[in-house]
Amino acid sequence: MPWVVAGGAVVALLVVLAITRLGPAGGGRPAAGPPPVGGGPAIDISAMTPRERADRLFNRVVSSAERGQLDTARFFTPMALAAYAMLGPLDEDARYHVGLIHLVNDEFDATLAQADSIAEVVLGHLLAAILRAQVAEKRGDDAALARARRAFLDSWQSESTANRPEYQQHQGLIDRFRNEIIAPDSPGS
């Protein structure tokens, strides 16, 4: 039991340290040295909810991966996953975030497990289909990609009017994904 408590304290400390390094838009500042001149006030992590802290780490992982900074994404991955684990039961949006964190790290089975857990709560959830499609693309599995796209389109009509908060937060992604399916050869896809 003492080791569990000590381990939890270390994870919490790592999360706090990581969050203090994150800028307002998820960007980081150097670990050493003074903050940039005119860089604004320091972030008060005590004012953040645990979910805000987890989401901030998620943004750091995903934005680092998008910029090709995979070492940074992998560095923040354990902290982000620990932050979500500390939240207790996750909603569909948080499960989608956890799935993307695993996807960035090529942990496909863990990504699919998150897609499955989303679909268990909401059959036909659009973000579950998107996660499955992203895994299929990375694996080069054309049959799985076609199934995920078909599942997305089959659910589109009912789910697009469901007014789910996670759909509002990821509307751009959902729209891009749908457009890639229905008009794959259009400019910008």
C-alpha atoms as a PDB file:
ATOM      1  CA  MET A   1       0.000   0.000   0.000  1.00  0.00           C
ATOM      2  CA  PRO A   2       2.779   2.539   0.744  1.00  0.00           C
ATOM      3  CA  TRP A   3       4.207   1.939  -2.747  1.00  0.00           C
ATOM      4  CA  VAL A   4       0.816   2.643  -4.324  1.00  0.00           C
ATOM      5  CA  VAL A   5       0.503   5.919  -2.406  1.00  0.00           C
ATOM      6  CA  ALA A   6       4.068   6.910  -3.297  1.00  0.00           C
ATOM      7  CA  GLY A   7       3.488   6.023  -6.955  1.00  0.00           C
ATOM      8  CA  GLY A   8       0.309   8.085  -7.051  1.00  0.00           C
ATOM      9  CA  ALA A   9       2.139  11.039  -5.514  1.00  0.00           C
ATOM     10  CA  VAL A  10       4.901  10.816  -8.126  1.00  0.00           C
ATOM     11  CA  VAL A  11       2.365  10.715 -10.983  1.00  0.00           C
ATOM     12  CA  ALA A  12       0.486  13.679  -9.509  1.00  0.00           C
ATOM     13  CA  LEU A  13       3.752  15.616  -9.185  1.00  0.00           C
ATOM     14  CA  LEU A  14       4.667  14.856 -12.816  1.00  0.00           C
ATOM     15  CA  VAL A  15       1.237  16.048 -13.960  1.00  0.00           C
ATOM     16  CA  VAL A  16       1.599  19.287 -11.982  1.00  0.00           C
ATOM     17  CA  LEU A  17       5.096  19.870 -13.352  1.00  0.00           C
ATOM     18  CA  ALA A  18       3.963  19.207 -16.913  1.00  0.00           C
ATOM     19  CA  ILE A  19       0.999  21.537 -16.624  1.00  0.00           C
ATOM     20  CA  THR A  20       3.099  24.355 -15.223  1.00  0.00           C
ATOM     21  CA  ARG A  21       5.228  24.178 -18.359  1.00  0.00           C
ATOM     22  CA  LEU A  22       2.266  24.458 -20.708  1.00  0.00           C
ATOM     23  CA  GLY A  23       1.373  27.813 -22.151  1.00  0.00           C
ATOM     24  CA  PRO A  24      -2.171  29.151 -22.496  1.00  0.00           C
ATOM     25  CA  ALA A  25      -2.687  27.601 -25.940  1.00  0.00           C
ATOM     26  CA  GLY A  26      -1.031  24.288 -25.108  1.00  0.00           C
ATOM     27  CA  GLY A  27       2.413  25.490 -26.174  1.00  0.00           C
ATOM     28  CA  GLY A  28       5.291  25.021 -23.845  1.00  0.00           C
ATOM     29  CA  ARG A  29       8.109  27.215 -22.680  1.00  0.00           C
ATOM     30  CA  PRO A  30      11.618  26.102 -21.986  1.00  0.00           C
ATOM     31  CA  ALA A  31      12.132  24.110 -18.816  1.00  0.00           C
ATOM     32  CA  ALA A  32      14.977  26.320 -17.652  1.00  0.00           C
ATOM     33  CA  GLY A  33      15.366  30.059 -17.607  1.00  0.00           C
ATOM     34  CA  PRO A  34      12.938  32.890 -17.142  1.00  0.00           C
ATOM     35  CA  PRO A  35       9.595  33.040 -18.914  1.00  0.00           C
ATOM     36  CA  PRO A  36       9.625  34.858 -22.228  1.00  0.00           C
ATOM     37  CA  VAL A  37       9.554  38.639 -22.026  1.00  0.00           C
ATOM     38  CA  GLY A  38       5.970  39.842 -22.220  1.00  0.00           C
ATOM     39  CA  GLY A  39       4.865  36.212 -21.892  1.00  0.00           C
ATOM     40  CA  GLY A  40       1.894  37.011 -19.673  1.00  0.00           C
ATOM     41  CA  PRO A  41       1.099  35.760 -16.224  1.00  0.00           C
ATOM     42  CA  ALA A  42       1.995  32.292 -15.018  1.00  0.00           C
ATOM     43  CA  ILE A  43      -0.725  29.670 -15.266  1.00  0.00           C
ATOM     44  CA  ASP A  44      -2.530  29.060 -11.980  1.00  0.00           C
ATOM     45  CA  ILE A  45      -3.071  25.311 -12.106  1.00  0.00           C
ATOM     46  CA  SER A  46      -4.831  25.423  -8.755  1.00  0.00           C
ATOM     47  CA  ALA A  47      -7.673  27.214 -10.532  1.00  0.00           C
ATOM     48  CA  MET A  48      -7.985  24.413 -13.108  1.00  0.00           C
ATOM     49  CA  THR A  49     -10.296  21.484 -12.675  1.00  0.00           C
ATOM     50  CA  PRO A  50      -8.771  18.008 -12.954  1.00  0.00           C
ATOM     51  CA  ARG A  51     -10.484  17.685 -16.358  1.00  0.00           C
ATOM     52  CA  GLU A  52      -8.944  20.942 -17.559  1.00  0.00           C
ATOM     53  CA  ARG A  53      -5.521  19.659 -16.510  1.00  0.00           C
ATOM     54  CA  ALA A  54      -6.078  16.377 -18.355  1.00  0.00           C
ATOM     55  CA  ASP A  55      -7.309  18.173 -21.467  1.00  0.00           C
ATOM     56  CA  ARG A  56      -4.321  20.513 -21.384  1.00  0.00           C
ATOM     57  CA  LEU A  57      -1.982  17.515 -21.383  1.00  0.00           C
ATOM     58  CA  PHE A  58      -4.029  15.883 -24.167  1.00  0.00           C
ATOM     59  CA  ASN A  59      -3.633  19.041 -26.252  1.00  0.00           C
ATOM     60  CA  ARG A  60       0.103  18.972 -25.616  1.00  0.00           C
ATOM     61  CA  VAL A  61       0.436  15.363 -26.773  1.00  0.00           C
ATOM     62  CA  VAL A  62      -1.675  15.800 -29.903  1.00  0.00           C
ATOM     63  CA  SER A  63      -0.259  19.183 -30.934  1.00  0.00           C
ATOM     64  CA  SER A  64       3.297  17.897 -30.463  1.00  0.00           C
ATOM     65  CA  ALA A  65       2.523  14.880 -32.652  1.00  0.00           C
ATOM     66  CA  GLU A  66       0.959  17.116 -35.311  1.00  0.00           C
ATOM     67  CA  ARG A  67       4.176  19.177 -35.399  1.00  0.00           C
ATOM     68  CA  GLY A  68       6.226  15.996 -35.749  1.00  0.00           C
ATOM     69  CA  GLN A  69       7.647  16.298 -32.230  1.00  0.00           C
ATOM     70  CA  LEU A  70       7.056  12.665 -31.335  1.00  0.00           C
ATOM     71  CA  ASP A  71       9.584  12.648 -28.487  1.00  0.00           C
ATOM     72  CA  THR A  72       7.645  15.456 -26.799  1.00  0.00           C
ATOM     73  CA  ALA A  73       4.333  13.692 -27.444  1.00  0.00           C
ATOM     74  CA  ARG A  74       5.693  10.478 -25.940  1.00  0.00           C
ATOM     75  CA  PHE A  75       7.127  12.348 -22.965  1.00  0.00           C
ATOM     76  CA  PHE A  76       3.733  13.832 -22.073  1.00  0.00           C
ATOM     77  CA  THR A  77       1.725  10.680 -22.864  1.00  0.00           C
ATOM     78  CA  PRO A  78       2.073   8.949 -19.465  1.00  0.00           C
ATOM     79  CA  MET A  79       1.176  12.179 -17.668  1.00  0.00           C
ATOM     80  CA  ALA A  80      -1.881  12.725 -19.863  1.00  0.00           C
ATOM     81  CA  LEU A  81      -3.082   9.151 -19.401  1.00  0.00           C
ATOM     82  CA  ALA A  82      -2.531   9.395 -15.637  1.00  0.00           C
ATOM     83  CA  ALA A  83      -4.469  12.659 -15.526  1.00  0.00           C
ATOM     84  CA  TYR A  84      -7.436  11.044 -17.270  1.00  0.00           C
ATOM     85  CA  ALA A  85      -7.171   7.967 -15.036  1.00  0.00           C
ATOM     86  CA  MET A  86      -7.497  10.206 -11.993  1.00  0.00           C
ATOM     87  CA  LEU A  87     -10.838  11.537 -13.251  1.00  0.00           C
ATOM     88  CA  GLY A  88     -12.763   8.362 -12.543  1.00  0.00           C
ATOM     89  CA  PRO A  89     -15.425   7.303 -15.051  1.00  0.00           C
ATOM     90  CA  LEU A  90     -14.805   9.052 -18.359  1.00  0.00           C
ATOM     91  CA  ASP A  91     -17.375  10.578 -20.682  1.00  0.00           C
ATOM     92  CA  GLU A  92     -17.279   9.914 -24.417  1.00  0.00           C
ATOM     93  CA  ASP A  93     -15.172  13.008 -25.128  1.00  0.00           C
ATOM     94  CA  ALA A  94     -12.523  12.012 -22.584  1.00  0.00           C
ATOM     95  CA  ARG A  95     -12.493   8.463 -23.968  1.00  0.00           C
ATOM     96  CA  TYR A  96     -11.964   9.921 -27.444  1.00  0.00           C
ATOM     97  CA  HIS A  97      -9.040  11.968 -26.107  1.00  0.00           C
ATOM     98  CA  VAL A  98      -7.511   8.884 -24.472  1.00  0.00           C
ATOM     99  CA  GLY A  99      -7.983   6.988 -27.734  1.00  0.00           C
ATOM    100  CA  LEU A 100      -6.154   9.707 -29.676  1.00  0.00           C
ATOM    101  CA  ILE A 101      -3.310   9.717 -27.163  1.00  0.00           C
ATOM    102  CA  HIS A 102      -2.903   5.979 -27.735  1.00  0.00           C
ATOM    103  CA  LEU A 103      -3.172   6.467 -31.510  1.00  0.00           C
ATOM    104  CA  VAL A 104      -0.355   9.047 -31.493  1.00  0.00           C
ATOM    105  CA  ASN A 105       1.805   6.384 -29.858  1.00  0.00           C
ATOM    106  CA  ASP A 106       0.750   3.644 -32.322  1.00  0.00           C
ATOM    107  CA  GLU A 107      -1.028   1.738 -29.540  1.00  0.00           C
ATOM    108  CA  PHE A 108      -3.787   0.535 -31.824  1.00  0.00           C
ATOM    109  CA  ASP A 109      -5.428  -2.033 -29.546  1.00  0.00           C
ATOM    110  CA  ALA A 110      -5.748   0.565 -26.786  1.00  0.00           C
ATOM    111  CA  THR A 111      -7.208   3.034 -29.299  1.00  0.00           C
ATOM    112  CA  LEU A 112      -9.767   0.474 -30.446  1.00  0.00           C
ATOM    113  CA  ALA A 113     -10.628  -0.320 -26.831  1.00  0.00           C
ATOM    114  CA  GLN A 114     -11.555   3.341 -26.346  1.00  0.00           C
ATOM    115  CA  ALA A 115     -13.647   3.270 -29.529  1.00  0.00           C
ATOM    116  CA  ASP A 116     -15.435   0.185 -28.206  1.00  0.00           C
ATOM    117  CA  SER A 117     -16.076   1.813 -24.831  1.00  0.00           C
ATOM    118  CA  ILE A 118     -17.580   4.873 -26.548  1.00  0.00           C
ATOM    119  CA  ALA A 119     -19.816   2.648 -28.709  1.00  0.00           C
ATOM    120  CA  GLU A 120     -20.963   0.716 -25.631  1.00  0.00           C
ATOM    121  CA  VAL A 121     -22.453   3.921 -24.253  1.00  0.00           C
ATOM    122  CA  VAL A 122     -23.731   5.321 -27.570  1.00  0.00           C
ATOM    123  CA  LEU A 123     -24.201   2.809 -30.351  1.00  0.00           C
ATOM    124  CA  GLY A 124     -23.160   4.481 -33.608  1.00  0.00           C
ATOM    125  CA  HIS A 125     -21.140   7.247 -31.952  1.00  0.00           C
ATOM    126  CA  LEU A 126     -19.344   9.194 -34.684  1.00  0.00           C
ATOM    127  CA  LEU A 127     -16.084   9.599 -32.740  1.00  0.00           C
ATOM    128  CA  ALA A 128     -15.863   5.826 -32.222  1.00  0.00           C
ATOM    129  CA  ALA A 129     -16.093   5.324 -35.988  1.00  0.00           C
ATOM    130  CA  ILE A 130     -13.444   7.992 -36.549  1.00  0.00           C
ATOM    131  CA  LEU A 131     -11.043   6.320 -34.108  1.00  0.00           C
ATOM    132  CA  ARG A 132     -11.560   2.977 -35.855  1.00  0.00           C
ATOM    133  CA  ALA A 133     -10.942   4.579 -39.242  1.00  0.00           C
ATOM    134  CA  GLN A 134      -7.751   6.265 -38.034  1.00  0.00           C
ATOM    135  CA  VAL A 135      -6.407   2.946 -36.733  1.00  0.00           C
ATOM    136  CA  ALA A 136      -7.327   1.229 -40.014  1.00  0.00           C
ATOM    137  CA  GLU A 137      -5.527   3.937 -42.011  1.00  0.00           C
ATOM    138  CA  LYS A 138      -2.373   3.639 -39.909  1.00  0.00           C
ATOM    139  CA  ARG A 139      -2.458  -0.156 -40.227  1.00  0.00           C
ATOM    140  CA  GLY A 140      -3.161  -0.013 -43.962  1.00  0.00           C
ATOM    141  CA  ASP A 141      -6.295  -2.143 -43.437  1.00  0.00           C
ATOM    142  CA  ASP A 142      -8.584  -1.128 -46.312  1.00  0.00           C
ATOM    143  CA  ALA A 143     -11.413  -3.479 -45.262  1.00  0.00           C
ATOM    144  CA  ALA A 144     -11.499  -2.098 -41.693  1.00  0.00           C
ATOM    145  CA  LEU A 145     -11.324   1.440 -43.061  1.00  0.00           C
ATOM    146  CA  ALA A 146     -14.309   0.782 -45.328  1.00  0.00           C
ATOM    147  CA  ARG A 147     -16.272  -0.698 -42.382  1.00  0.00           C
ATOM    148  CA  ALA A 148     -15.496   2.299 -40.164  1.00  0.00           C
ATOM    149  CA  ARG A 149     -16.493   4.754 -42.881  1.00  0.00           C
ATOM    150  CA  ARG A 150     -19.724   2.839 -43.555  1.00  0.00           C
ATOM    151  CA  ALA A 151     -20.523   2.819 -39.804  1.00  0.00           C
ATOM    152  CA  PHE A 152     -19.945   6.573 -39.680  1.00  0.00           C
ATOM    153  CA  LEU A 153     -22.239   7.236 -42.651  1.00  0.00           C
ATOM    154  CA  ASP A 154     -24.899   4.841 -41.319  1.00  0.00           C
ATOM    155  CA  SER A 155     -24.982   6.794 -38.050  1.00  0.00           C
ATOM    156  CA  TRP A 156     -24.551  10.262 -39.517  1.00  0.00           C
ATOM    157  CA  GLN A 157     -28.224  11.175 -39.884  1.00  0.00           C
ATOM    158  CA  SER A 158     -29.277  10.310 -36.333  1.00  0.00           C
ATOM    159  CA  GLU A 159     -26.039  11.304 -34.616  1.00  0.00           C
ATOM    160  CA  SER A 160     -25.506  14.618 -36.401  1.00  0.00           C
ATOM    161  CA  THR A 161     -28.684  15.936 -34.778  1.00  0.00           C
ATOM    162  CA  ALA A 162     -27.943  14.453 -31.342  1.00  0.00           C
ATOM    163  CA  ASN A 163     -26.385  17.720 -30.085  1.00  0.00           C
ATOM    164  CA  ARG A 164     -23.703  15.931 -28.065  1.00  0.00           C
ATOM    165  CA  PRO A 165     -21.112  18.240 -26.440  1.00  0.00           C
ATOM    166  CA  GLU A 166     -18.229  16.183 -27.823  1.00  0.00           C
ATOM    167  CA  TYR A 167     -19.605  16.630 -31.344  1.00  0.00           C
ATOM    168  CA  GLN A 168     -19.661  20.385 -30.858  1.00  0.00           C
ATOM    169  CA  GLN A 169     -16.067  20.345 -29.570  1.00  0.00           C
ATOM    170  CA  HIS A 170     -14.841  18.241 -32.502  1.00  0.00           C
ATOM    171  CA  GLN A 171     -17.189  19.571 -35.210  1.00  0.00           C
ATOM    172  CA  GLY A 172     -14.376  20.494 -37.592  1.00  0.00           C
ATOM    173  CA  LEU A 173     -12.892  17.004 -37.408  1.00  0.00           C
ATOM    174  CA  ILE A 174     -16.285  15.358 -37.902  1.00  0.00           C
ATOM    175  CA  ASP A 175     -17.081  17.559 -40.901  1.00  0.00           C
ATOM    176  CA  ARG A 176     -13.659  16.931 -42.495  1.00  0.00           C
ATOM    177  CA  PHE A 177     -14.009  13.177 -41.986  1.00  0.00           C
ATOM    178  CA  ARG A 178     -17.470  13.123 -43.555  1.00  0.00           C
ATOM    179  CA  ASN A 179     -16.322  15.263 -46.485  1.00  0.00           C
ATOM    180  CA  GLU A 180     -13.371  12.943 -47.118  1.00  0.00           C
ATOM    181  CA  ILE A 181     -15.797  10.027 -47.367  1.00  0.00           C
ATOM    182  CA  ILE A 182     -18.442  11.607 -49.569  1.00  0.00           C
ATOM    183  CA  ALA A 183     -16.095  13.638 -51.787  1.00  0.00           C
ATOM    184  CA  PRO A 184     -12.657  12.003 -51.583  1.00  0.00           C
ATOM    185  CA  ASP A 185     -11.315  13.607 -54.749  1.00  0.00           C
ATOM    186  CA  SER A 186     -12.388  17.168 -53.968  1.00  0.00           C
ATOM    187  CA  PRO A 187      -9.706  19.839 -53.484  1.00  0.00           C
ATOM    188  CA  GLY A 188      -8.440  20.131 -49.921  1.00  0.00           C
ATOM    189  CA  SER A 189      -9.279  16.554 -48.933  1.00  0.00           C
END
